[in-house]
Amino acid sequence: MARHTFARTTLAALSAVTLLALGACSSEPPSSDGGDGAEGGGDELISVGFSQVGAESGWRSANTMSIKDALTEENGFELSFSDAQQKQENQISAIRNYIAQGVDVIAFSPVVETGWDAVLEEAKGAGIPVVLTDRAVETTVEDAYVSFIGSDFVEEGARSGEWAVEQYDGEGYKVVELQGTTGSAPAIDRQQGFADAIEGSDLEVIDSQTGDFTRDGGKKVMEGFLTAHDDIDLVFAHNDDMGLGAVEAIEAAGMTPGEDIKIITIDGVKDGMAALAEGKFNYIVECNPLLGPDLAEVIQKTVAGEDVEERIVTQDEAFDQEGAKEALPDRQY
């Protein structure tokens, strides 16, 4: 297969409208008989291997749907998709399978930040460009990936903390934190952003444990928090699903979520927004899961030998109760 150039020059991101106009393109010349070509263009499909973290949350389900909807044959792609079930070894195995298959591009959302050097070096040696989505990696491999598409997790944590300080500083609030998967970029960065934002206030994080980004995990950890502490004022959950699990635990303990214990979460999926509209959550910082169109555009440009942005930051909003009520009717995820 052709060796792809790993472009590092930053350009302004194209809009979704531009993406539709680009159409399917390939590093190989169009087939003479038109077989296997994308509709209307005659070009060969771009083969993509994508390894997803898992299906641990409503956010992840929306993210997967967005990717599958964007990387269709109609749009010029041949997608091989794998679910890692939140295990790094499964992702590494999937990526090695994609390398053996000789796909045009490999994309993945890494379970954790570290431990990717060997397989990224293998992809680079095979001349297959890599795109990261949602989560970043720490690697010593030079030019290991062409682009990283996703939110600024530190900023999400900081916005959560800034709102908490704005609302509750001076009241001596005791905070418990439901962390995401240990070692993952969002868990590390959201914790750091929140901690930095509340520094200097009288808000105090009295306990912090991982709920692994799942509703059941959030419920179990919150049950433990409630047993260990009788002075919890605020929950900071790294995602909506763990926050929803905390709601169940708080209600089972005979208290009212959103009143007796305030809840701040990150994501903005429909279930979380509904909880916010009902007053069970108090604030949500959005993390947009609809990364499919950006991923499709980056892949098309990379295979065509064009420059792509090394870092594409998605635009996220934040919601209080009234904002959630306004947004829910038109919410896509």
C-alpha atoms as a PDB file:
ATOM      1  CA  MET A   1       0.000   0.000   0.000  1.00  0.00           C
ATOM      2  CA  ALA A   2       1.042   3.597  -0.438  1.00  0.00           C
ATOM      3  CA  ARG A   3       2.977   5.250   2.393  1.00  0.00           C
ATOM      4  CA  HIS A   4       1.119   8.268   3.803  1.00  0.00           C
ATOM      5  CA  THR A   5       2.769  11.528   4.811  1.00  0.00           C
ATOM      6  CA  PHE A   6       2.352  12.484   8.483  1.00  0.00           C
ATOM      7  CA  ALA A   7       1.431  16.173   8.194  1.00  0.00           C
ATOM      8  CA  ARG A   8       1.991  18.403  11.238  1.00  0.00           C
ATOM      9  CA  THR A   9       1.153  21.872   9.927  1.00  0.00           C
ATOM     10  CA  THR A  10      -1.858  23.471  11.647  1.00  0.00           C
ATOM     11  CA  LEU A  11      -4.655  24.758   9.414  1.00  0.00           C
ATOM     12  CA  ALA A  12      -8.056  26.164  10.282  1.00  0.00           C
ATOM     13  CA  ALA A  13     -10.658  23.416  10.697  1.00  0.00           C
ATOM     14  CA  LEU A  14     -13.134  23.098   7.825  1.00  0.00           C
ATOM     15  CA  SER A  15     -16.842  23.165   8.543  1.00  0.00           C
ATOM     16  CA  ALA A  16     -19.159  20.209   8.243  1.00  0.00           C
ATOM     17  CA  VAL A  17     -20.470  21.745   5.004  1.00  0.00           C
ATOM     18  CA  THR A  18     -16.978  21.624   3.543  1.00  0.00           C
ATOM     19  CA  LEU A  19     -16.681  18.002   4.618  1.00  0.00           C
ATOM     20  CA  LEU A  20     -19.728  17.084   2.567  1.00  0.00           C
ATOM     21  CA  ALA A  21     -18.288  18.900  -0.416  1.00  0.00           C
ATOM     22  CA  LEU A  22     -14.952  17.101  -0.250  1.00  0.00           C
ATOM     23  CA  GLY A  23     -16.374  13.673  -1.092  1.00  0.00           C
ATOM     24  CA  ALA A  24     -14.427  10.439  -0.879  1.00  0.00           C
ATOM     25  CA  CYS A  25     -10.756  10.448  -1.889  1.00  0.00           C
ATOM     26  CA  SER A  26      -7.968   7.913  -1.791  1.00  0.00           C
ATOM     27  CA  SER A  27      -4.198   7.678  -1.932  1.00  0.00           C
ATOM     28  CA  GLU A  28      -4.622   4.993  -4.615  1.00  0.00           C
ATOM     29  CA  PRO A  29      -5.800   5.800  -8.155  1.00  0.00           C
ATOM     30  CA  PRO A  30      -9.454   5.117  -9.005  1.00  0.00           C
ATOM     31  CA  SER A  31     -10.131   1.570 -10.243  1.00  0.00           C
ATOM     32  CA  SER A  32     -10.558   1.325 -13.982  1.00  0.00           C
ATOM     33  CA  ASP A  33     -13.747  -0.733 -13.767  1.00  0.00           C
ATOM     34  CA  GLY A  34     -15.364   1.398 -11.098  1.00  0.00           C
ATOM     35  CA  GLY A  35     -15.776  -1.612  -8.791  1.00  0.00           C
ATOM     36  CA  ASP A  36     -15.934  -1.006  -5.030  1.00  0.00           C
ATOM     37  CA  GLY A  37     -16.049   2.708  -5.635  1.00  0.00           C
ATOM     38  CA  ALA A  38     -18.004   5.235  -3.608  1.00  0.00           C
ATOM     39  CA  GLU A  39     -21.302   6.327  -5.075  1.00  0.00           C
ATOM     40  CA  GLY A  40     -20.976   9.064  -7.648  1.00  0.00           C
ATOM     41  CA  GLY A  41     -17.179   9.417  -7.408  1.00  0.00           C
ATOM     42  CA  GLY A  42     -15.733   6.123  -8.654  1.00  0.00           C
ATOM     43  CA  ASP A  43     -12.855   6.369  -6.154  1.00  0.00           C
ATOM     44  CA  GLU A  44     -11.831   3.420  -4.013  1.00  0.00           C
ATOM     45  CA  LEU A  45     -13.134   3.367  -0.483  1.00  0.00           C
ATOM     46  CA  ILE A  46     -10.808   4.540   2.267  1.00  0.00           C
ATOM     47  CA  SER A  47     -10.274   1.631   4.635  1.00  0.00           C
ATOM     48  CA  VAL A  48     -10.348   2.656   8.305  1.00  0.00           C
ATOM     49  CA  GLY A  49      -9.737   0.575  11.415  1.00  0.00           C
ATOM     50  CA  PHE A  50     -11.331   2.108  14.510  1.00  0.00           C
ATOM     51  CA  SER A  51     -10.869   0.825  18.057  1.00  0.00           C
ATOM     52  CA  GLN A  52     -13.422   2.166  20.534  1.00  0.00           C
ATOM     53  CA  VAL A  53     -12.925   2.248  24.310  1.00  0.00           C
ATOM     54  CA  GLY A  54     -16.154   0.374  24.970  1.00  0.00           C
ATOM     55  CA  ALA A  55     -19.807   1.096  25.665  1.00  0.00           C
ATOM     56  CA  GLU A  56     -19.508   2.279  29.241  1.00  0.00           C
ATOM     57  CA  SER A  57     -21.827   5.276  29.045  1.00  0.00           C
ATOM     58  CA  GLY A  58     -24.503   7.117  27.125  1.00  0.00           C
ATOM     59  CA  TRP A  59     -21.780   9.474  25.904  1.00  0.00           C
ATOM     60  CA  ARG A  60     -19.793   6.608  24.447  1.00  0.00           C
ATOM     61  CA  SER A  61     -22.839   5.191  22.689  1.00  0.00           C
ATOM     62  CA  ALA A  62     -23.491   8.583  21.056  1.00  0.00           C
ATOM     63  CA  ASN A  63     -19.813   8.843  20.101  1.00  0.00           C
ATOM     64  CA  THR A  64     -19.859   5.403  18.473  1.00  0.00           C
ATOM     65  CA  MET A  65     -23.036   6.217  16.539  1.00  0.00           C
ATOM     66  CA  SER A  66     -21.522   9.471  15.262  1.00  0.00           C
ATOM     67  CA  ILE A  67     -18.407   7.671  14.011  1.00  0.00           C
ATOM     68  CA  LYS A  68     -20.343   4.865  12.331  1.00  0.00           C
ATOM     69  CA  ASP A  69     -22.733   7.356  10.712  1.00  0.00           C
ATOM     70  CA  ALA A  70     -19.830   9.388   9.304  1.00  0.00           C
ATOM     71  CA  LEU A  71     -17.596   6.544   8.091  1.00  0.00           C
ATOM     72  CA  THR A  72     -20.056   4.854   5.754  1.00  0.00           C
ATOM     73  CA  GLU A  73     -19.580   3.467   2.258  1.00  0.00           C
ATOM     74  CA  GLU A  74     -21.866   6.225   0.974  1.00  0.00           C
ATOM     75  CA  ASN A  75     -19.349   8.730   2.333  1.00  0.00           C
ATOM     76  CA  GLY A  76     -16.402   6.865   0.818  1.00  0.00           C
ATOM     77  CA  PHE A  77     -15.204   4.689   3.705  1.00  0.00           C
ATOM     78  CA  GLU A  78     -14.835   1.016   4.530  1.00  0.00           C
ATOM     79  CA  LEU A  79     -14.943   0.829   8.336  1.00  0.00           C
ATOM     80  CA  SER A  80     -13.638  -1.980  10.534  1.00  0.00           C
ATOM     81  CA  PHE A  81     -14.861  -1.308  14.088  1.00  0.00           C
ATOM     82  CA  SER A  82     -13.861  -2.980  17.347  1.00  0.00           C
ATOM     83  CA  ASP A  83     -15.018  -2.564  20.954  1.00  0.00           C
ATOM     84  CA  ALA A  84     -12.153  -2.850  23.463  1.00  0.00           C
ATOM     85  CA  GLN A  85     -14.472  -3.336  26.449  1.00  0.00           C
ATOM     86  CA  GLN A  86     -12.317  -0.836  28.367  1.00  0.00           C
ATOM     87  CA  LYS A  87      -9.203  -3.027  28.143  1.00  0.00           C
ATOM     88  CA  GLN A  88      -5.983  -1.656  26.690  1.00  0.00           C
ATOM     89  CA  GLU A  89      -4.768  -5.094  25.625  1.00  0.00           C
ATOM     90  CA  ASN A  90      -7.869  -5.476  23.451  1.00  0.00           C
ATOM     91  CA  GLN A  91      -7.155  -2.160  21.739  1.00  0.00           C
ATOM     92  CA  ILE A  92      -3.528  -3.022  21.090  1.00  0.00           C
ATOM     93  CA  SER A  93      -4.578  -6.355  19.592  1.00  0.00           C
ATOM     94  CA  ALA A  94      -7.169  -4.627  17.381  1.00  0.00           C
ATOM     95  CA  ILE A  95      -4.663  -2.033  16.179  1.00  0.00           C
ATOM     96  CA  ARG A  96      -2.164  -4.774  15.306  1.00  0.00           C
ATOM     97  CA  ASN A  97      -4.887  -6.548  13.344  1.00  0.00           C
ATOM     98  CA  TYR A  98      -5.565  -3.331  11.421  1.00  0.00           C
ATOM     99  CA  ILE A  99      -1.844  -3.006  10.658  1.00  0.00           C
ATOM    100  CA  ALA A 100      -1.784  -6.600   9.369  1.00  0.00           C
ATOM    101  CA  GLN A 101      -4.834  -5.861   7.205  1.00  0.00           C
ATOM    102  CA  GLY A 102      -3.060  -2.853   5.689  1.00  0.00           C
ATOM    103  CA  VAL A 103      -5.851  -0.356   6.281  1.00  0.00           C
ATOM    104  CA  ASP A 104      -5.368   3.181   5.005  1.00  0.00           C
ATOM    105  CA  VAL A 105      -5.890   4.854   8.408  1.00  0.00           C
ATOM    106  CA  ILE A 106      -6.118   3.697  12.026  1.00  0.00           C
ATOM    107  CA  ALA A 107      -8.173   5.695  14.534  1.00  0.00           C
ATOM    108  CA  PHE A 108      -8.820   4.970  18.184  1.00  0.00           C
ATOM    109  CA  SER A 109      -9.978   6.421  21.482  1.00  0.00           C
ATOM    110  CA  PRO A 110      -7.379   5.170  23.976  1.00  0.00           C
ATOM    111  CA  VAL A 111      -8.491   3.523  27.203  1.00  0.00           C
ATOM    112  CA  VAL A 112      -5.546   5.021  29.100  1.00  0.00           C
ATOM    113  CA  GLU A 113      -2.810   7.553  28.305  1.00  0.00           C
ATOM    114  CA  THR A 114       0.343   5.429  28.473  1.00  0.00           C
ATOM    115  CA  GLY A 115       1.614   2.126  27.097  1.00  0.00           C
ATOM    116  CA  TRP A 116       1.150   2.790  23.386  1.00  0.00           C
ATOM    117  CA  ASP A 117       4.735   3.296  22.166  1.00  0.00           C
ATOM    118  CA  ALA A 118       5.289  -0.165  20.672  1.00  0.00           C
ATOM    119  CA  VAL A 119       2.070  -0.380  18.670  1.00  0.00           C
ATOM    120  CA  LEU A 120       2.303   3.240  17.513  1.00  0.00           C
ATOM    121  CA  GLU A 121       5.843   2.536  16.296  1.00  0.00           C
ATOM    122  CA  GLU A 122       4.496  -0.475  14.416  1.00  0.00           C
ATOM    123  CA  ALA A 123       1.810   1.607  12.712  1.00  0.00           C
ATOM    124  CA  LYS A 124       4.365   4.253  11.806  1.00  0.00           C
ATOM    125  CA  GLY A 125       6.705   1.604  10.400  1.00  0.00           C
ATOM    126  CA  ALA A 126       3.887   0.279   8.241  1.00  0.00           C
ATOM    127  CA  GLY A 127       3.216   3.779   6.902  1.00  0.00           C
ATOM    128  CA  ILE A 128      -0.303   3.875   8.334  1.00  0.00           C
ATOM    129  CA  PRO A 129      -1.339   7.249   9.781  1.00  0.00           C
ATOM    130  CA  VAL A 130      -3.066   7.277  13.156  1.00  0.00           C
ATOM    131  CA  VAL A 131      -5.812   9.635  14.358  1.00  0.00           C
ATOM    132  CA  LEU A 132      -6.743   9.929  18.045  1.00  0.00           C
ATOM    133  CA  THR A 133     -10.325  10.733  19.010  1.00  0.00           C
ATOM    134  CA  ASP A 134     -11.711  11.884  22.362  1.00  0.00           C
ATOM    135  CA  ARG A 135      -8.612  10.958  24.410  1.00  0.00           C
ATOM    136  CA  ALA A 136      -4.907  11.693  24.063  1.00  0.00           C
ATOM    137  CA  VAL A 137      -1.842   9.518  24.685  1.00  0.00           C
ATOM    138  CA  GLU A 138       1.587  10.085  26.186  1.00  0.00           C
ATOM    139  CA  THR A 139       4.210   8.677  23.837  1.00  0.00           C
ATOM    140  CA  THR A 140       7.897   8.999  23.011  1.00  0.00           C
ATOM    141  CA  VAL A 141       7.249   8.043  19.384  1.00  0.00           C
ATOM    142  CA  GLU A 142       7.919  11.015  17.120  1.00  0.00           C
ATOM    143  CA  ASP A 143       5.008  11.939  14.842  1.00  0.00           C
ATOM    144  CA  ALA A 144       2.992   9.081  16.325  1.00  0.00           C
ATOM    145  CA  TYR A 145      -0.330  10.471  15.126  1.00  0.00           C
ATOM    146  CA  VAL A 146      -1.474  13.047  12.612  1.00  0.00           C
ATOM    147  CA  SER A 147      -4.271  14.595  14.660  1.00  0.00           C
ATOM    148  CA  PHE A 148      -6.070  14.446  17.999  1.00  0.00           C
ATOM    149  CA  ILE A 149      -9.777  15.358  17.916  1.00  0.00           C
ATOM    150  CA  GLY A 150     -11.538  15.971  21.209  1.00  0.00           C
ATOM    151  CA  SER A 151     -12.512  18.243  24.071  1.00  0.00           C
ATOM    152  CA  ASP A 152     -10.196  20.056  26.469  1.00  0.00           C
ATOM    153  CA  PHE A 153     -10.671  17.934  29.583  1.00  0.00           C
ATOM    154  CA  VAL A 154      -8.698  20.253  31.852  1.00  0.00           C
ATOM    155  CA  GLU A 155     -10.968  23.097  30.822  1.00  0.00           C
ATOM    156  CA  GLU A 156     -14.053  20.964  31.511  1.00  0.00           C
ATOM    157  CA  GLY A 157     -12.847  20.280  35.043  1.00  0.00           C
ATOM    158  CA  ALA A 158     -11.940  23.920  35.514  1.00  0.00           C
ATOM    159  CA  ARG A 159     -15.357  25.154  34.366  1.00  0.00           C
ATOM    160  CA  SER A 160     -17.005  22.736  36.796  1.00  0.00           C
ATOM    161  CA  GLY A 161     -14.845  24.002  39.648  1.00  0.00           C
ATOM    162  CA  GLU A 162     -15.278  27.656  38.745  1.00  0.00           C
ATOM    163  CA  TRP A 163     -19.057  27.302  38.846  1.00  0.00           C
ATOM    164  CA  ALA A 164     -18.862  25.509  42.195  1.00  0.00           C
ATOM    165  CA  VAL A 165     -16.738  28.315  43.634  1.00  0.00           C
ATOM    166  CA  GLU A 166     -19.071  30.955  42.209  1.00  0.00           C
ATOM    167  CA  GLN A 167     -22.110  29.266  43.765  1.00  0.00           C
ATOM    168  CA  TYR A 168     -20.826  27.813  47.025  1.00  0.00           C
ATOM    169  CA  ASP A 169     -17.569  29.466  48.148  1.00  0.00           C
ATOM    170  CA  GLY A 170     -17.899  30.734  51.708  1.00  0.00           C
ATOM    171  CA  GLU A 171     -20.217  27.910  52.749  1.00  0.00           C
ATOM    172  CA  GLY A 172     -17.491  25.404  53.658  1.00  0.00           C
ATOM    173  CA  TYR A 173     -18.767  22.767  51.236  1.00  0.00           C
ATOM    174  CA  LYS A 174     -17.397  19.227  51.530  1.00  0.00           C
ATOM    175  CA  VAL A 175     -16.944  17.667  48.078  1.00  0.00           C
ATOM    176  CA  VAL A 176     -16.664  14.060  46.948  1.00  0.00           C
ATOM    177  CA  GLU A 177     -15.350  13.223  43.500  1.00  0.00           C
ATOM    178  CA  LEU A 178     -16.418  10.375  41.232  1.00  0.00           C
ATOM    179  CA  GLN A 179     -13.412   9.863  38.986  1.00  0.00           C
ATOM    180  CA  GLY A 180     -13.361   8.309  35.542  1.00  0.00           C
ATOM    181  CA  THR A 181     -11.283   5.289  34.558  1.00  0.00           C
ATOM    182  CA  THR A 182      -7.948   5.338  36.381  1.00  0.00           C
ATOM    183  CA  GLY A 183      -5.134   6.430  34.076  1.00  0.00           C
ATOM    184  CA  SER A 184      -7.441   7.792  31.361  1.00  0.00           C
ATOM    185  CA  ALA A 185      -6.909  11.295  30.000  1.00  0.00           C
ATOM    186  CA  PRO A 186     -10.355  12.641  30.987  1.00  0.00           C
ATOM    187  CA  ALA A 187     -10.026  11.345  34.552  1.00  0.00           C
ATOM    188  CA  ILE A 188      -6.553  12.840  35.005  1.00  0.00           C
ATOM    189  CA  ASP A 189      -7.330  16.161  33.349  1.00  0.00           C
ATOM    190  CA  ARG A 190     -10.801  16.762  34.808  1.00  0.00           C
ATOM    191  CA  GLN A 191      -9.513  16.096  38.315  1.00  0.00           C
ATOM    192  CA  GLN A 192      -6.636  18.520  37.777  1.00  0.00           C
ATOM    193  CA  GLY A 193      -8.823  21.230  36.261  1.00  0.00           C
ATOM    194  CA  PHE A 194     -11.329  21.039  39.113  1.00  0.00           C
ATOM    195  CA  ALA A 195      -8.619  21.038  41.791  1.00  0.00           C
ATOM    196  CA  ASP A 196      -6.935  24.093  40.282  1.00  0.00           C
ATOM    197  CA  ALA A 197     -10.249  25.952  40.022  1.00  0.00           C
ATOM    198  CA  ILE A 198     -11.271  25.471  43.661  1.00  0.00           C
ATOM    199  CA  GLU A 199      -7.814  26.204  45.065  1.00  0.00           C
ATOM    200  CA  GLY A 200      -8.026  29.196  47.382  1.00  0.00           C
ATOM    201  CA  SER A 201     -11.747  28.673  48.057  1.00  0.00           C
ATOM    202  CA  ASP A 202     -13.210  26.960  51.123  1.00  0.00           C
ATOM    203  CA  LEU A 203     -14.506  24.031  49.066  1.00  0.00           C
ATOM    204  CA  GLU A 204     -12.722  20.860  50.171  1.00  0.00           C
ATOM    205  CA  VAL A 205     -12.514  17.520  48.355  1.00  0.00           C
ATOM    206  CA  ILE A 206     -12.795  15.003  51.195  1.00  0.00           C
ATOM    207  CA  ASP A 207     -12.853  11.802  49.103  1.00  0.00           C
ATOM    208  CA  SER A 208     -12.150  10.811  45.517  1.00  0.00           C
ATOM    209  CA  GLN A 209     -12.535   7.359  43.934  1.00  0.00           C
ATOM    210  CA  THR A 210     -13.031   5.909  40.477  1.00  0.00           C
ATOM    211  CA  GLY A 211     -16.472   4.851  39.313  1.00  0.00           C
ATOM    212  CA  ASP A 212     -14.974   3.836  35.951  1.00  0.00           C
ATOM    213  CA  PHE A 213     -17.327   6.141  33.998  1.00  0.00           C
ATOM    214  CA  THR A 214     -20.282   3.745  34.576  1.00  0.00           C
ATOM    215  CA  ARG A 215     -23.639   4.351  36.246  1.00  0.00           C
ATOM    216  CA  ASP A 216     -23.286   1.231  38.380  1.00  0.00           C
ATOM    217  CA  GLY A 217     -19.764   2.270  39.387  1.00  0.00           C
ATOM    218  CA  GLY A 218     -20.962   5.737  40.356  1.00  0.00           C
ATOM    219  CA  LYS A 219     -23.756   4.275  42.457  1.00  0.00           C
ATOM    220  CA  LYS A 220     -21.474   1.872  44.316  1.00  0.00           C
ATOM    221  CA  VAL A 221     -18.808   4.479  45.028  1.00  0.00           C
ATOM    222  CA  MET A 222     -21.435   6.993  46.164  1.00  0.00           C
ATOM    223  CA  GLU A 223     -22.898   4.417  48.520  1.00  0.00           C
ATOM    224  CA  GLY A 224     -19.444   4.044  50.025  1.00  0.00           C
ATOM    225  CA  PHE A 225     -19.041   7.805  50.323  1.00  0.00           C
ATOM    226  CA  LEU A 226     -22.373   8.102  52.132  1.00  0.00           C
ATOM    227  CA  THR A 227     -21.368   5.371  54.561  1.00  0.00           C
ATOM    228  CA  ALA A 228     -17.976   6.938  55.255  1.00  0.00           C
ATOM    229  CA  HIS A 229     -19.052  10.606  55.426  1.00  0.00           C
ATOM    230  CA  ASP A 230     -22.070  12.316  56.954  1.00  0.00           C
ATOM    231  CA  ASP A 231     -21.148  15.814  55.810  1.00  0.00           C
ATOM    232  CA  ILE A 232     -21.189  15.610  51.981  1.00  0.00           C
ATOM    233  CA  ASP A 233     -22.474  18.782  50.341  1.00  0.00           C
ATOM    234  CA  LEU A 234     -21.433  18.374  46.707  1.00  0.00           C
ATOM    235  CA  VAL A 235     -20.628  15.610  44.223  1.00  0.00           C
ATOM    236  CA  PHE A 236     -18.313  16.294  41.295  1.00  0.00           C
ATOM    237  CA  ALA A 237     -18.775  13.454  38.797  1.00  0.00           C
ATOM    238  CA  HIS A 238     -16.455  13.113  35.805  1.00  0.00           C
ATOM    239  CA  ASN A 239     -19.409  12.091  33.639  1.00  0.00           C
ATOM    240  CA  ASP A 240     -23.210  12.043  33.622  1.00  0.00           C
ATOM    241  CA  ASP A 241     -23.541   8.298  34.066  1.00  0.00           C
ATOM    242  CA  MET A 242     -21.635   8.262  37.351  1.00  0.00           C
ATOM    243  CA  GLY A 243     -23.671  11.279  38.431  1.00  0.00           C
ATOM    244  CA  LEU A 244     -26.867   9.367  37.658  1.00  0.00           C
ATOM    245  CA  GLY A 245     -25.575   6.479  39.740  1.00  0.00           C
ATOM    246  CA  ALA A 246     -24.932   8.939  42.570  1.00  0.00           C
ATOM    247  CA  VAL A 247     -28.541  10.132  42.277  1.00  0.00           C
ATOM    248  CA  GLU A 248     -29.754   6.573  42.864  1.00  0.00           C
ATOM    249  CA  ALA A 249     -27.527   6.170  45.926  1.00  0.00           C
ATOM    250  CA  ILE A 250     -28.564   9.523  47.396  1.00  0.00           C
ATOM    251  CA  GLU A 251     -32.255   8.784  46.914  1.00  0.00           C
ATOM    252  CA  ALA A 252     -31.845   5.299  48.424  1.00  0.00           C
ATOM    253  CA  ALA A 253     -30.293   6.972  51.477  1.00  0.00           C
ATOM    254  CA  GLY A 254     -33.440   9.064  51.933  1.00  0.00           C
ATOM    255  CA  MET A 255     -32.002  12.344  50.676  1.00  0.00           C
ATOM    256  CA  THR A 256     -32.863  14.611  47.763  1.00  0.00           C
ATOM    257  CA  PRO A 257     -30.218  14.942  45.029  1.00  0.00           C
ATOM    258  CA  GLY A 258     -29.765  18.509  43.847  1.00  0.00           C
ATOM    259  CA  GLU A 259     -30.924  19.846  47.217  1.00  0.00           C
ATOM    260  CA  ASP A 260     -29.470  17.910  50.154  1.00  0.00           C
ATOM    261  CA  ILE A 261     -26.414  17.075  48.065  1.00  0.00           C
ATOM    262  CA  LYS A 262     -25.585  19.157  45.005  1.00  0.00           C
ATOM    263  CA  ILE A 263     -24.273  17.434  41.859  1.00  0.00           C
ATOM    264  CA  ILE A 264     -22.023  18.745  39.087  1.00  0.00           C
ATOM    265  CA  THR A 265     -21.268  16.472  36.118  1.00  0.00           C
ATOM    266  CA  ILE A 266     -19.579  16.519  32.729  1.00  0.00           C
ATOM    267  CA  ASP A 267     -21.013  15.265  29.394  1.00  0.00           C
ATOM    268  CA  GLY A 268     -24.500  16.579  28.637  1.00  0.00           C
ATOM    269  CA  VAL A 269     -26.168  13.420  27.313  1.00  0.00           C
ATOM    270  CA  LYS A 270     -29.977  13.327  27.310  1.00  0.00           C
ATOM    271  CA  ASP A 271     -30.330  11.395  30.567  1.00  0.00           C
ATOM    272  CA  GLY A 272     -28.014  13.821  32.317  1.00  0.00           C
ATOM    273  CA  MET A 273     -29.750  16.846  30.850  1.00  0.00           C
ATOM    274  CA  ALA A 274     -33.110  15.435  31.936  1.00  0.00           C
ATOM    275  CA  ALA A 275     -31.772  15.025  35.486  1.00  0.00           C
ATOM    276  CA  LEU A 276     -30.578  18.634  35.393  1.00  0.00           C
ATOM    277  CA  ALA A 277     -33.938  19.868  34.097  1.00  0.00           C
ATOM    278  CA  GLU A 278     -35.650  17.981  36.954  1.00  0.00           C
ATOM    279  CA  GLY A 279     -33.329  19.544  39.519  1.00  0.00           C
ATOM    280  CA  LYS A 280     -31.495  16.320  40.435  1.00  0.00           C
ATOM    281  CA  PHE A 281     -28.280  17.724  38.936  1.00  0.00           C
ATOM    282  CA  ASN A 282     -27.237  21.329  39.468  1.00  0.00           C
ATOM    283  CA  TYR A 283     -24.791  21.966  36.625  1.00  0.00           C
ATOM    284  CA  ILE A 284     -23.387  20.177  33.574  1.00  0.00           C
ATOM    285  CA  VAL A 285     -20.332  21.040  31.509  1.00  0.00           C
ATOM    286  CA  GLU A 286     -20.793  19.595  28.046  1.00  0.00           C
ATOM    287  CA  CYS A 287     -18.392  17.203  26.339  1.00  0.00           C
ATOM    288  CA  ASN A 288     -19.566  16.853  22.753  1.00  0.00           C
ATOM    289  CA  PRO A 289     -19.449  13.211  21.558  1.00  0.00           C
ATOM    290  CA  LEU A 290     -20.313  13.907  17.910  1.00  0.00           C
ATOM    291  CA  LEU A 291     -16.766  13.577  16.572  1.00  0.00           C
ATOM    292  CA  GLY A 292     -17.595  11.558  13.458  1.00  0.00           C
ATOM    293  CA  PRO A 293     -17.702  14.411  10.918  1.00  0.00           C
ATOM    294  CA  ASP A 294     -14.374  15.843  12.109  1.00  0.00           C
ATOM    295  CA  LEU A 295     -12.791  12.379  12.008  1.00  0.00           C
ATOM    296  CA  ALA A 296     -14.067  11.740   8.478  1.00  0.00           C
ATOM    297  CA  GLU A 297     -12.660  15.062   7.298  1.00  0.00           C
ATOM    298  CA  VAL A 298      -9.244  14.483   8.872  1.00  0.00           C
ATOM    299  CA  ILE A 299      -9.028  11.003   7.331  1.00  0.00           C
ATOM    300  CA  GLN A 300      -9.975  12.255   3.863  1.00  0.00           C
ATOM    301  CA  LYS A 301      -7.418  15.052   3.955  1.00  0.00           C
ATOM    302  CA  THR A 302      -4.692  12.797   5.357  1.00  0.00           C
ATOM    303  CA  VAL A 303      -5.156  10.132   2.682  1.00  0.00           C
ATOM    304  CA  ALA A 304      -5.172  12.862   0.033  1.00  0.00           C
ATOM    305  CA  GLY A 305      -1.787  14.072   1.326  1.00  0.00           C
ATOM    306  CA  GLU A 306      -3.155  17.368   2.626  1.00  0.00           C
ATOM    307  CA  ASP A 307      -2.177  19.079   5.861  1.00  0.00           C
ATOM    308  CA  VAL A 308      -4.449  18.629   8.868  1.00  0.00           C
ATOM    309  CA  GLU A 309      -4.625  20.258  12.257  1.00  0.00           C
ATOM    310  CA  GLU A 310      -2.576  18.451  14.865  1.00  0.00           C
ATOM    311  CA  ARG A 311      -5.122  19.363  17.581  1.00  0.00           C
ATOM    312  CA  ILE A 312      -8.828  19.877  16.944  1.00  0.00           C
ATOM    313  CA  VAL A 313     -10.693  21.066  20.043  1.00  0.00           C
ATOM    314  CA  THR A 314     -14.448  20.561  20.034  1.00  0.00           C
ATOM    315  CA  GLN A 315     -16.668  23.379  21.225  1.00  0.00           C
ATOM    316  CA  ASP A 316     -18.538  22.600  24.438  1.00  0.00           C
ATOM    317  CA  GLU A 317     -21.262  24.473  26.310  1.00  0.00           C
ATOM    318  CA  ALA A 318     -22.368  24.449  29.956  1.00  0.00           C
ATOM    319  CA  PHE A 319     -25.889  24.236  31.364  1.00  0.00           C
ATOM    320  CA  ASP A 320     -27.834  25.121  34.461  1.00  0.00           C
ATOM    321  CA  GLN A 321     -31.412  23.957  35.017  1.00  0.00           C
ATOM    322  CA  GLU A 322     -33.063  26.525  32.748  1.00  0.00           C
ATOM    323  CA  GLY A 323     -30.481  25.954  30.038  1.00  0.00           C
ATOM    324  CA  ALA A 324     -31.147  22.213  30.154  1.00  0.00           C
ATOM    325  CA  LYS A 325     -34.895  22.735  29.795  1.00  0.00           C
ATOM    326  CA  GLU A 326     -34.320  24.890  26.712  1.00  0.00           C
ATOM    327  CA  ALA A 327     -31.809  22.507  25.123  1.00  0.00           C
ATOM    328  CA  LEU A 328     -33.541  19.156  25.725  1.00  0.00           C
ATOM    329  CA  PRO A 329     -36.201  19.277  22.960  1.00  0.00           C
ATOM    330  CA  ASP A 330     -33.532  19.557  20.241  1.00  0.00           C
ATOM    331  CA  ARG A 331     -30.811  17.479  21.911  1.00  0.00           C
ATOM    332  CA  GLN A 332     -29.131  15.090  19.437  1.00  0.00           C
ATOM    333  CA  TYR A 333     -27.591  12.797  22.038  1.00  0.00           C
END
